[in-house]
Amino acid sequence: MSTFTLRKGEGGLQVSERTRLRYHTWEVNQPRAAVVVVHGLAEHGGRYDRLGRTLGDADISTFALDLRGHGESDGRRGHAAAFACFLQDLDHFRREVQGLLDPDLPLFLLGHSMGGLIALRYQQEYPDRFRGLVAVSPWLATAVPVPRWKVNLANALARVLPALPFRAHIRAEQLSHDPQVLLAHRDDPLIHDTITPRLFVEVAAAMGMVLHRIDRLSAPMLFMLAGVDPLVDTERSVVFAQSLSAHDVTLHVYPGFYHEVLNEERAAPAYRDLRIWLDRHLG
């Protein structure tokens, strides 16, 4: 095991005149690589401390963004005027991170849940920016299909009341078996459990676009999926990963794990698989 000095910090990034984003860093002195993290709906980048410390032990620095409308970043909670805003914000953040590092340092992208959807769409629209992509429980479909009347209502409200807040109905006990994770989630003032009609519609369109532009995904990919996911459809992600079999794709499904694979009580095998995959793609 490496001996290292881990520097934990925060920063800010102005992406437009009215929108400033916050981000979190876990940096080592002489990193072999860096991982850029995109979190899921209703959470924030500060929740990835365990990941940042674990990767630091492998001499890898970690940078996690608070998406607009999340965490300490600007924006109405759980809202984005267009899904493309997330992709543009991520590209701003990627350039910010590269400016903090040696320009030749390999960069990897890791996205969880909605962040996994964002990461996949980013790779389709901004190819070759990252050495590889890790999708953790990506939101490619909900575990329980959304009733048609709710879809119709969201489409109507997205036109007339696009930023009207609704509960996302994400419960802490759906995320992990770890009591400490559940307690921290419930006590976290930056977790909001909100989604707006416009974001709901934009996410649905992004899911369709990921499938439509599957030929644009050529970077190495690692899928880390929960065996018992109450929030997203694991089988849809399995089928999607298998459809990319012509490329460098690694697929792991963790039996009994809930949605937050990297926050599970017995997540050691998942972290081991992540480190093995990163080591292999660092040569």
C-alpha atoms as a PDB file:
ATOM      1  CA  MET A   1       0.000   0.000   0.000  1.00  0.00           C
ATOM      2  CA  SER A   2       1.226   3.452  -0.909  1.00  0.00           C
ATOM      3  CA  THR A   3       2.137   6.014   1.738  1.00  0.00           C
ATOM      4  CA  PHE A   4       0.761   9.380   0.670  1.00  0.00           C
ATOM      5  CA  THR A   5      -0.289  12.820   1.781  1.00  0.00           C
ATOM      6  CA  LEU A   6      -3.890  13.541   0.879  1.00  0.00           C
ATOM      7  CA  ARG A   7      -4.957  17.177   0.557  1.00  0.00           C
ATOM      8  CA  LYS A   8      -8.693  17.670   0.793  1.00  0.00           C
ATOM      9  CA  GLY A   9     -10.037  20.964  -0.510  1.00  0.00           C
ATOM     10  CA  GLU A  10     -12.765  22.872  -2.333  1.00  0.00           C
ATOM     11  CA  GLY A  11     -12.959  25.294  -5.221  1.00  0.00           C
ATOM     12  CA  GLY A  12     -15.306  27.392  -7.327  1.00  0.00           C
ATOM     13  CA  LEU A  13     -15.929  27.591 -11.053  1.00  0.00           C
ATOM     14  CA  GLN A  14     -17.842  30.339 -12.885  1.00  0.00           C
ATOM     15  CA  VAL A  15     -19.613  28.740 -15.855  1.00  0.00           C
ATOM     16  CA  SER A  16     -21.852  31.692 -16.754  1.00  0.00           C
ATOM     17  CA  GLU A  17     -22.663  35.182 -15.572  1.00  0.00           C
ATOM     18  CA  ARG A  18     -25.326  33.832 -13.195  1.00  0.00           C
ATOM     19  CA  THR A  19     -24.028  30.370 -12.333  1.00  0.00           C
ATOM     20  CA  ARG A  20     -21.091  29.456 -10.125  1.00  0.00           C
ATOM     21  CA  LEU A  21     -20.363  25.808  -9.327  1.00  0.00           C
ATOM     22  CA  ARG A  22     -18.551  24.352  -6.333  1.00  0.00           C
ATOM     23  CA  TYR A  23     -16.274  21.347  -6.418  1.00  0.00           C
ATOM     24  CA  HIS A  24     -14.385  19.102  -4.011  1.00  0.00           C
ATOM     25  CA  THR A  25     -10.825  17.790  -4.296  1.00  0.00           C
ATOM     26  CA  TRP A  26      -8.792  14.947  -2.854  1.00  0.00           C
ATOM     27  CA  GLU A  27      -5.264  15.430  -4.181  1.00  0.00           C
ATOM     28  CA  VAL A  28      -2.054  13.467  -3.715  1.00  0.00           C
ATOM     29  CA  ASN A  29       1.439  14.891  -4.200  1.00  0.00           C
ATOM     30  CA  GLN A  30       2.460  12.900  -7.274  1.00  0.00           C
ATOM     31  CA  PRO A  31      -0.669  11.428  -8.837  1.00  0.00           C
ATOM     32  CA  ARG A  32      -0.547   8.694 -11.468  1.00  0.00           C
ATOM     33  CA  ALA A  33      -3.943   9.804 -12.745  1.00  0.00           C
ATOM     34  CA  ALA A  34      -7.033  11.787 -11.784  1.00  0.00           C
ATOM     35  CA  VAL A  35     -10.703  10.841 -11.604  1.00  0.00           C
ATOM     36  CA  VAL A  36     -13.469  13.385 -12.266  1.00  0.00           C
ATOM     37  CA  VAL A  37     -16.702  12.486 -10.442  1.00  0.00           C
ATOM     38  CA  VAL A  38     -20.272  13.367 -11.436  1.00  0.00           C
ATOM     39  CA  HIS A  39     -22.811  12.660  -8.678  1.00  0.00           C
ATOM     40  CA  GLY A  40     -26.446  11.626  -8.893  1.00  0.00           C
ATOM     41  CA  LEU A  41     -29.770  13.430  -8.571  1.00  0.00           C
ATOM     42  CA  ALA A  42     -30.407  15.287  -5.293  1.00  0.00           C
ATOM     43  CA  GLU A  43     -26.946  14.648  -3.775  1.00  0.00           C
ATOM     44  CA  HIS A  44     -23.572  16.396  -4.158  1.00  0.00           C
ATOM     45  CA  GLY A  45     -19.857  15.854  -4.745  1.00  0.00           C
ATOM     46  CA  GLY A  46     -18.911  16.147  -1.081  1.00  0.00           C
ATOM     47  CA  ARG A  47     -20.400  12.700  -0.453  1.00  0.00           C
ATOM     48  CA  TYR A  48     -17.506  11.028  -2.301  1.00  0.00           C
ATOM     49  CA  ASP A  49     -14.967  11.292   0.506  1.00  0.00           C
ATOM     50  CA  ARG A  50     -14.595   7.498   0.781  1.00  0.00           C
ATOM     51  CA  LEU A  51     -13.854   7.267  -2.940  1.00  0.00           C
ATOM     52  CA  GLY A  52     -11.385  10.175  -2.798  1.00  0.00           C
ATOM     53  CA  ARG A  53      -9.482   8.638   0.107  1.00  0.00           C
ATOM     54  CA  THR A  54      -9.429   5.156  -1.404  1.00  0.00           C
ATOM     55  CA  LEU A  55      -8.133   6.397  -4.748  1.00  0.00           C
ATOM     56  CA  GLY A  56      -5.615   8.598  -2.939  1.00  0.00           C
ATOM     57  CA  ASP A  57      -4.172   5.440  -1.444  1.00  0.00           C
ATOM     58  CA  ALA A  58      -3.579   4.301  -5.036  1.00  0.00           C
ATOM     59  CA  ASP A  59      -1.820   7.602  -5.898  1.00  0.00           C
ATOM     60  CA  ILE A  60      -4.828   8.886  -7.836  1.00  0.00           C
ATOM     61  CA  SER A  61      -6.345  12.336  -7.250  1.00  0.00           C
ATOM     62  CA  THR A  62     -10.128  12.832  -7.255  1.00  0.00           C
ATOM     63  CA  PHE A  63     -12.223  15.870  -8.216  1.00  0.00           C
ATOM     64  CA  ALA A  64     -15.999  15.926  -7.654  1.00  0.00           C
ATOM     65  CA  LEU A  65     -18.330  18.618  -8.981  1.00  0.00           C
ATOM     66  CA  ASP A  66     -21.544  19.847  -7.365  1.00  0.00           C
ATOM     67  CA  LEU A  67     -23.909  19.935 -10.345  1.00  0.00           C
ATOM     68  CA  ARG A  68     -25.984  23.058 -10.931  1.00  0.00           C
ATOM     69  CA  GLY A  69     -29.056  22.916  -8.707  1.00  0.00           C
ATOM     70  CA  HIS A  70     -27.215  20.658  -6.264  1.00  0.00           C
ATOM     71  CA  GLY A  71     -24.957  20.909  -3.235  1.00  0.00           C
ATOM     72  CA  GLU A  72     -23.336  24.318  -2.873  1.00  0.00           C
ATOM     73  CA  SER A  73     -23.625  25.200  -6.559  1.00  0.00           C
ATOM     74  CA  ASP A  74     -25.985  27.864  -7.878  1.00  0.00           C
ATOM     75  CA  GLY A  75     -29.323  27.073  -9.439  1.00  0.00           C
ATOM     76  CA  ARG A  76     -32.833  26.044  -8.457  1.00  0.00           C
ATOM     77  CA  ARG A  77     -32.738  22.720  -6.614  1.00  0.00           C
ATOM     78  CA  GLY A  78     -33.149  19.689  -8.861  1.00  0.00           C
ATOM     79  CA  HIS A  79     -33.551  21.770 -11.989  1.00  0.00           C
ATOM     80  CA  ALA A  80     -31.768  22.364 -15.282  1.00  0.00           C
ATOM     81  CA  ALA A  81     -33.176  24.247 -18.255  1.00  0.00           C
ATOM     82  CA  ALA A  82     -31.630  21.638 -20.558  1.00  0.00           C
ATOM     83  CA  PHE A  83     -29.634  18.446 -20.100  1.00  0.00           C
ATOM     84  CA  ALA A  84     -26.949  19.998 -22.293  1.00  0.00           C
ATOM     85  CA  CYS A  85     -26.212  22.419 -19.427  1.00  0.00           C
ATOM     86  CA  PHE A  86     -24.827  19.494 -17.424  1.00  0.00           C
ATOM     87  CA  LEU A  87     -22.590  18.456 -20.326  1.00  0.00           C
ATOM     88  CA  GLN A  88     -21.291  21.989 -20.786  1.00  0.00           C
ATOM     89  CA  ASP A  89     -20.698  22.381 -17.046  1.00  0.00           C
ATOM     90  CA  LEU A  90     -18.793  19.099 -16.992  1.00  0.00           C
ATOM     91  CA  ASP A  91     -16.594  20.241 -19.859  1.00  0.00           C
ATOM     92  CA  HIS A  92     -15.838  23.484 -17.985  1.00  0.00           C
ATOM     93  CA  PHE A  93     -14.965  21.417 -14.935  1.00  0.00           C
ATOM     94  CA  ARG A  94     -12.790  19.045 -16.947  1.00  0.00           C
ATOM     95  CA  ARG A  95     -10.779  22.006 -18.215  1.00  0.00           C
ATOM     96  CA  GLU A  96     -10.556  23.416 -14.681  1.00  0.00           C
ATOM     97  CA  VAL A  97      -9.154  20.101 -13.414  1.00  0.00           C
ATOM     98  CA  GLN A  98      -6.662  19.840 -16.260  1.00  0.00           C
ATOM     99  CA  GLY A  99      -5.439  23.314 -15.377  1.00  0.00           C
ATOM    100  CA  LEU A 100      -4.637  22.103 -11.869  1.00  0.00           C
ATOM    101  CA  LEU A 101      -2.638  19.093 -13.050  1.00  0.00           C
ATOM    102  CA  ASP A 102       0.231  18.085 -15.262  1.00  0.00           C
ATOM    103  CA  PRO A 103      -1.216  18.382 -18.785  1.00  0.00           C
ATOM    104  CA  ASP A 104      -0.126  14.821 -19.634  1.00  0.00           C
ATOM    105  CA  LEU A 105      -1.777  13.226 -16.597  1.00  0.00           C
ATOM    106  CA  PRO A 106      -4.427  10.650 -17.586  1.00  0.00           C
ATOM    107  CA  LEU A 107      -7.997  11.645 -16.705  1.00  0.00           C
ATOM    108  CA  PHE A 108     -10.871   9.239 -16.048  1.00  0.00           C
ATOM    109  CA  LEU A 109     -14.569  10.074 -15.721  1.00  0.00           C
ATOM    110  CA  LEU A 110     -16.793   8.443 -13.082  1.00  0.00           C
ATOM    111  CA  GLY A 111     -20.532   9.038 -12.980  1.00  0.00           C
ATOM    112  CA  HIS A 112     -23.061   7.679 -10.499  1.00  0.00           C
ATOM    113  CA  SER A 113     -26.818   7.317 -11.201  1.00  0.00           C
ATOM    114  CA  MET A 114     -27.893  10.510 -13.041  1.00  0.00           C
ATOM    115  CA  GLY A 115     -24.180  11.309 -13.119  1.00  0.00           C
ATOM    116  CA  GLY A 116     -23.677   8.043 -15.019  1.00  0.00           C
ATOM    117  CA  LEU A 117     -26.198   9.204 -17.613  1.00  0.00           C
ATOM    118  CA  ILE A 118     -24.431  12.567 -17.802  1.00  0.00           C
ATOM    119  CA  ALA A 119     -21.046  10.849 -18.194  1.00  0.00           C
ATOM    120  CA  LEU A 120     -22.278   8.623 -21.026  1.00  0.00           C
ATOM    121  CA  ARG A 121     -23.853  11.554 -22.872  1.00  0.00           C
ATOM    122  CA  TYR A 122     -20.705  13.600 -22.314  1.00  0.00           C
ATOM    123  CA  GLN A 123     -18.584  10.887 -23.900  1.00  0.00           C
ATOM    124  CA  GLN A 124     -20.888  10.885 -26.892  1.00  0.00           C
ATOM    125  CA  GLU A 125     -20.707  14.639 -27.405  1.00  0.00           C
ATOM    126  CA  TYR A 126     -17.134  15.297 -26.231  1.00  0.00           C
ATOM    127  CA  PRO A 127     -15.129  12.220 -27.274  1.00  0.00           C
ATOM    128  CA  ASP A 128     -11.479  11.656 -26.378  1.00  0.00           C
ATOM    129  CA  ARG A 129     -11.450  14.021 -23.371  1.00  0.00           C
ATOM    130  CA  PHE A 130     -11.012  11.145 -20.897  1.00  0.00           C
ATOM    131  CA  ARG A 131      -8.908   7.965 -20.907  1.00  0.00           C
ATOM    132  CA  GLY A 132     -11.958   5.954 -19.844  1.00  0.00           C
ATOM    133  CA  LEU A 133     -15.378   6.045 -18.197  1.00  0.00           C
ATOM    134  CA  VAL A 134     -16.769   4.371 -15.076  1.00  0.00           C
ATOM    135  CA  ALA A 135     -20.585   4.147 -14.869  1.00  0.00           C
ATOM    136  CA  VAL A 136     -21.866   3.303 -11.375  1.00  0.00           C
ATOM    137  CA  SER A 137     -25.580   2.383 -11.315  1.00  0.00           C
ATOM    138  CA  PRO A 138     -26.252   4.658 -14.317  1.00  0.00           C
ATOM    139  CA  TRP A 139     -29.801   5.988 -14.662  1.00  0.00           C
ATOM    140  CA  LEU A 140     -30.721   4.507 -18.053  1.00  0.00           C
ATOM    141  CA  ALA A 141     -34.207   3.517 -16.886  1.00  0.00           C
ATOM    142  CA  THR A 142     -36.102   3.611 -13.612  1.00  0.00           C
ATOM    143  CA  ALA A 143     -36.484   0.387 -11.643  1.00  0.00           C
ATOM    144  CA  VAL A 144     -40.269   0.813 -11.633  1.00  0.00           C
ATOM    145  CA  PRO A 145     -41.690   2.160 -14.914  1.00  0.00           C
ATOM    146  CA  VAL A 146     -43.177   5.634 -14.585  1.00  0.00           C
ATOM    147  CA  PRO A 147     -46.966   5.619 -15.228  1.00  0.00           C
ATOM    148  CA  ARG A 148     -48.002   7.158 -18.535  1.00  0.00           C
ATOM    149  CA  TRP A 149     -50.147   9.795 -16.802  1.00  0.00           C
ATOM    150  CA  LYS A 150     -47.117  11.036 -14.872  1.00  0.00           C
ATOM    151  CA  VAL A 151     -45.084  11.276 -18.067  1.00  0.00           C
ATOM    152  CA  ASN A 152     -47.890  13.234 -19.773  1.00  0.00           C
ATOM    153  CA  LEU A 153     -48.236  15.542 -16.765  1.00  0.00           C
ATOM    154  CA  ALA A 154     -44.477  16.186 -16.653  1.00  0.00           C
ATOM    155  CA  ASN A 155     -44.436  17.000 -20.379  1.00  0.00           C
ATOM    156  CA  ALA A 156     -47.277  19.475 -19.930  1.00  0.00           C
ATOM    157  CA  LEU A 157     -45.762  21.128 -16.854  1.00  0.00           C
ATOM    158  CA  ALA A 158     -42.345  21.322 -18.507  1.00  0.00           C
ATOM    159  CA  ARG A 159     -43.877  23.794 -20.958  1.00  0.00           C
ATOM    160  CA  VAL A 160     -45.863  25.976 -18.538  1.00  0.00           C
ATOM    161  CA  LEU A 161     -44.233  25.488 -15.098  1.00  0.00           C
ATOM    162  CA  PRO A 162     -40.813  24.007 -15.908  1.00  0.00           C
ATOM    163  CA  ALA A 163     -39.203  24.734 -12.516  1.00  0.00           C
ATOM    164  CA  LEU A 164     -42.085  23.602 -10.290  1.00  0.00           C
ATOM    165  CA  PRO A 165     -40.489  21.436  -7.573  1.00  0.00           C
ATOM    166  CA  PHE A 166     -41.646  17.856  -6.981  1.00  0.00           C
ATOM    167  CA  ARG A 167     -40.337  15.228  -4.611  1.00  0.00           C
ATOM    168  CA  ALA A 168     -37.957  12.759  -6.243  1.00  0.00           C
ATOM    169  CA  HIS A 169     -38.869  10.127  -3.621  1.00  0.00           C
ATOM    170  CA  ILE A 170     -35.293   8.960  -3.041  1.00  0.00           C
ATOM    171  CA  ARG A 171     -35.180   7.334   0.401  1.00  0.00           C
ATOM    172  CA  ALA A 172     -31.941   6.778   2.278  1.00  0.00           C
ATOM    173  CA  GLU A 173     -32.706   3.094   2.866  1.00  0.00           C
ATOM    174  CA  GLN A 174     -32.773   2.513  -0.904  1.00  0.00           C
ATOM    175  CA  LEU A 175     -29.138   3.561  -1.254  1.00  0.00           C
ATOM    176  CA  SER A 176     -27.033   1.367   1.017  1.00  0.00           C
ATOM    177  CA  HIS A 177     -27.079  -1.212   3.819  1.00  0.00           C
ATOM    178  CA  ASP A 178     -24.497   0.809   5.773  1.00  0.00           C
ATOM    179  CA  PRO A 179     -26.143   2.470   8.831  1.00  0.00           C
ATOM    180  CA  GLN A 180     -23.539   5.249   8.841  1.00  0.00           C
ATOM    181  CA  VAL A 181     -24.280   6.101   5.210  1.00  0.00           C
ATOM    182  CA  LEU A 182     -28.022   6.206   5.943  1.00  0.00           C
ATOM    183  CA  LEU A 183     -27.563   8.434   8.986  1.00  0.00           C
ATOM    184  CA  ALA A 184     -25.240  10.832   7.128  1.00  0.00           C
ATOM    185  CA  HIS A 185     -27.691  11.000   4.210  1.00  0.00           C
ATOM    186  CA  ARG A 186     -30.639  11.849   6.457  1.00  0.00           C
ATOM    187  CA  ASP A 187     -28.665  14.530   8.321  1.00  0.00           C
ATOM    188  CA  ASP A 188     -27.120  16.153   5.218  1.00  0.00           C
ATOM    189  CA  PRO A 189     -28.643  19.612   4.633  1.00  0.00           C
ATOM    190  CA  LEU A 190     -27.339  19.667   1.050  1.00  0.00           C
ATOM    191  CA  ILE A 191     -29.471  16.689  -0.009  1.00  0.00           C
ATOM    192  CA  HIS A 192     -32.815  17.975  -1.293  1.00  0.00           C
ATOM    193  CA  ASP A 193     -34.928  15.140  -2.858  1.00  0.00           C
ATOM    194  CA  THR A 194     -36.276  17.476  -5.550  1.00  0.00           C
ATOM    195  CA  ILE A 195     -36.784  17.228  -9.304  1.00  0.00           C
ATOM    196  CA  THR A 196     -38.605  19.621 -11.645  1.00  0.00           C
ATOM    197  CA  PRO A 197     -40.771  18.770 -14.672  1.00  0.00           C
ATOM    198  CA  ARG A 198     -38.191  20.183 -17.071  1.00  0.00           C
ATOM    199  CA  LEU A 199     -35.364  18.085 -15.617  1.00  0.00           C
ATOM    200  CA  PHE A 200     -37.573  14.974 -15.642  1.00  0.00           C
ATOM    201  CA  VAL A 201     -38.334  15.472 -19.343  1.00  0.00           C
ATOM    202  CA  GLU A 202     -34.711  16.298 -20.157  1.00  0.00           C
ATOM    203  CA  VAL A 203     -33.464  13.151 -18.379  1.00  0.00           C
ATOM    204  CA  ALA A 204     -35.933  10.992 -20.317  1.00  0.00           C
ATOM    205  CA  ALA A 205     -34.737  12.516 -23.598  1.00  0.00           C
ATOM    206  CA  ALA A 206     -31.102  11.939 -22.592  1.00  0.00           C
ATOM    207  CA  MET A 207     -31.829   8.258 -21.927  1.00  0.00           C
ATOM    208  CA  GLY A 208     -33.148   7.922 -25.465  1.00  0.00           C
ATOM    209  CA  MET A 209     -30.174   9.814 -26.869  1.00  0.00           C
ATOM    210  CA  VAL A 210     -27.677   7.511 -25.145  1.00  0.00           C
ATOM    211  CA  LEU A 211     -29.242   4.542 -26.952  1.00  0.00           C
ATOM    212  CA  HIS A 212     -29.581   6.410 -30.252  1.00  0.00           C
ATOM    213  CA  ARG A 213     -25.910   7.461 -30.314  1.00  0.00           C
ATOM    214  CA  ILE A 214     -24.401   4.274 -28.960  1.00  0.00           C
ATOM    215  CA  ASP A 215     -21.962   4.174 -31.887  1.00  0.00           C
ATOM    216  CA  ARG A 216     -20.222   7.267 -30.437  1.00  0.00           C
ATOM    217  CA  LEU A 217     -19.046   5.349 -27.354  1.00  0.00           C
ATOM    218  CA  SER A 218     -15.584   3.949 -27.996  1.00  0.00           C
ATOM    219  CA  ALA A 219     -13.548   4.762 -24.869  1.00  0.00           C
ATOM    220  CA  PRO A 220     -12.812   1.970 -22.355  1.00  0.00           C
ATOM    221  CA  MET A 221     -15.729   1.589 -19.960  1.00  0.00           C
ATOM    222  CA  LEU A 222     -16.358  -0.020 -16.587  1.00  0.00           C
ATOM    223  CA  PHE A 223     -19.941  -0.662 -15.452  1.00  0.00           C
ATOM    224  CA  MET A 224     -20.456  -1.195 -11.702  1.00  0.00           C
ATOM    225  CA  LEU A 225     -24.053  -2.206 -11.087  1.00  0.00           C
ATOM    226  CA  ALA A 226     -26.139  -2.955  -8.000  1.00  0.00           C
ATOM    227  CA  GLY A 227     -27.654  -6.428  -7.837  1.00  0.00           C
ATOM    228  CA  VAL A 228     -30.736  -5.155  -5.954  1.00  0.00           C
ATOM    229  CA  ASP A 229     -31.328  -1.594  -7.117  1.00  0.00           C
ATOM    230  CA  PRO A 230     -34.623  -0.026  -6.000  1.00  0.00           C
ATOM    231  CA  LEU A 231     -34.062   3.113  -8.090  1.00  0.00           C
ATOM    232  CA  VAL A 232     -32.626   2.277 -11.516  1.00  0.00           C
ATOM    233  CA  ASP A 233     -33.122  -0.708 -13.805  1.00  0.00           C
ATOM    234  CA  THR A 234     -29.966  -2.820 -13.508  1.00  0.00           C
ATOM    235  CA  GLU A 235     -31.034  -5.183 -16.290  1.00  0.00           C
ATOM    236  CA  ARG A 236     -31.309  -2.278 -18.736  1.00  0.00           C
ATOM    237  CA  SER A 237     -27.727  -1.285 -17.882  1.00  0.00           C
ATOM    238  CA  VAL A 238     -26.540  -4.899 -18.295  1.00  0.00           C
ATOM    239  CA  VAL A 239     -28.097  -5.108 -21.749  1.00  0.00           C
ATOM    240  CA  PHE A 240     -26.629  -1.719 -22.665  1.00  0.00           C
ATOM    241  CA  ALA A 241     -23.120  -2.719 -21.525  1.00  0.00           C
ATOM    242  CA  GLN A 242     -23.350  -6.017 -23.394  1.00  0.00           C
ATOM    243  CA  SER A 243     -24.360  -4.183 -26.567  1.00  0.00           C
ATOM    244  CA  LEU A 244     -20.938  -2.490 -26.406  1.00  0.00           C
ATOM    245  CA  SER A 245     -19.109  -5.833 -26.438  1.00  0.00           C
ATOM    246  CA  ALA A 246     -17.103  -4.873 -29.530  1.00  0.00           C
ATOM    247  CA  HIS A 247     -15.301  -2.292 -27.395  1.00  0.00           C
ATOM    248  CA  ASP A 248     -13.214  -2.409 -24.223  1.00  0.00           C
ATOM    249  CA  VAL A 249     -16.070  -2.867 -21.730  1.00  0.00           C
ATOM    250  CA  THR A 250     -15.927  -4.451 -18.276  1.00  0.00           C
ATOM    251  CA  LEU A 251     -19.137  -5.297 -16.448  1.00  0.00           C
ATOM    252  CA  HIS A 252     -19.565  -6.094 -12.743  1.00  0.00           C
ATOM    253  CA  VAL A 253     -22.878  -6.736 -10.996  1.00  0.00           C
ATOM    254  CA  TYR A 254     -22.655  -6.918  -7.198  1.00  0.00           C
ATOM    255  CA  PRO A 255     -25.251  -9.315  -5.723  1.00  0.00           C
ATOM    256  CA  GLY A 256     -27.237  -7.871  -2.840  1.00  0.00           C
ATOM    257  CA  PHE A 257     -25.861  -4.346  -3.271  1.00  0.00           C
ATOM    258  CA  TYR A 258     -28.242  -1.390  -3.241  1.00  0.00           C
ATOM    259  CA  HIS A 259     -28.034   1.683  -5.485  1.00  0.00           C
ATOM    260  CA  GLU A 260     -24.867   3.315  -4.098  1.00  0.00           C
ATOM    261  CA  VAL A 261     -22.381   0.566  -4.898  1.00  0.00           C
ATOM    262  CA  LEU A 262     -19.389   2.543  -3.600  1.00  0.00           C
ATOM    263  CA  ASN A 263     -21.176   3.377  -0.336  1.00  0.00           C
ATOM    264  CA  GLU A 264     -22.222  -0.166   0.517  1.00  0.00           C
ATOM    265  CA  GLU A 265     -21.357  -1.752   3.850  1.00  0.00           C
ATOM    266  CA  ARG A 266     -19.155  -4.375   2.178  1.00  0.00           C
ATOM    267  CA  ALA A 267     -17.929  -2.347  -0.802  1.00  0.00           C
ATOM    268  CA  ALA A 268     -14.330  -3.638  -0.683  1.00  0.00           C
ATOM    269  CA  PRO A 269     -14.783  -5.919  -3.759  1.00  0.00           C
ATOM    270  CA  ALA A 270     -16.154  -2.981  -5.771  1.00  0.00           C
ATOM    271  CA  TYR A 271     -13.211  -0.760  -4.847  1.00  0.00           C
ATOM    272  CA  ARG A 272     -10.831  -3.582  -5.692  1.00  0.00           C
ATOM    273  CA  ASP A 273     -12.438  -3.970  -9.141  1.00  0.00           C
ATOM    274  CA  LEU A 274     -12.209  -0.216  -9.704  1.00  0.00           C
ATOM    275  CA  ARG A 275      -8.519  -0.115  -8.812  1.00  0.00           C
ATOM    276  CA  ILE A 276      -7.743  -3.137 -10.985  1.00  0.00           C
ATOM    277  CA  TRP A 277      -9.522  -1.528 -13.950  1.00  0.00           C
ATOM    278  CA  LEU A 278      -7.754   1.821 -13.452  1.00  0.00           C
ATOM    279  CA  ASP A 279      -4.360   0.115 -13.117  1.00  0.00           C
ATOM    280  CA  ARG A 280      -4.971  -1.843 -16.302  1.00  0.00           C
ATOM    281  CA  HIS A 281      -5.829   1.271 -18.264  1.00  0.00           C
ATOM    282  CA  LEU A 282      -2.854   3.144 -16.894  1.00  0.00           C
ATOM    283  CA  GLY A 283      -0.551   0.462 -18.250  1.00  0.00           C
END
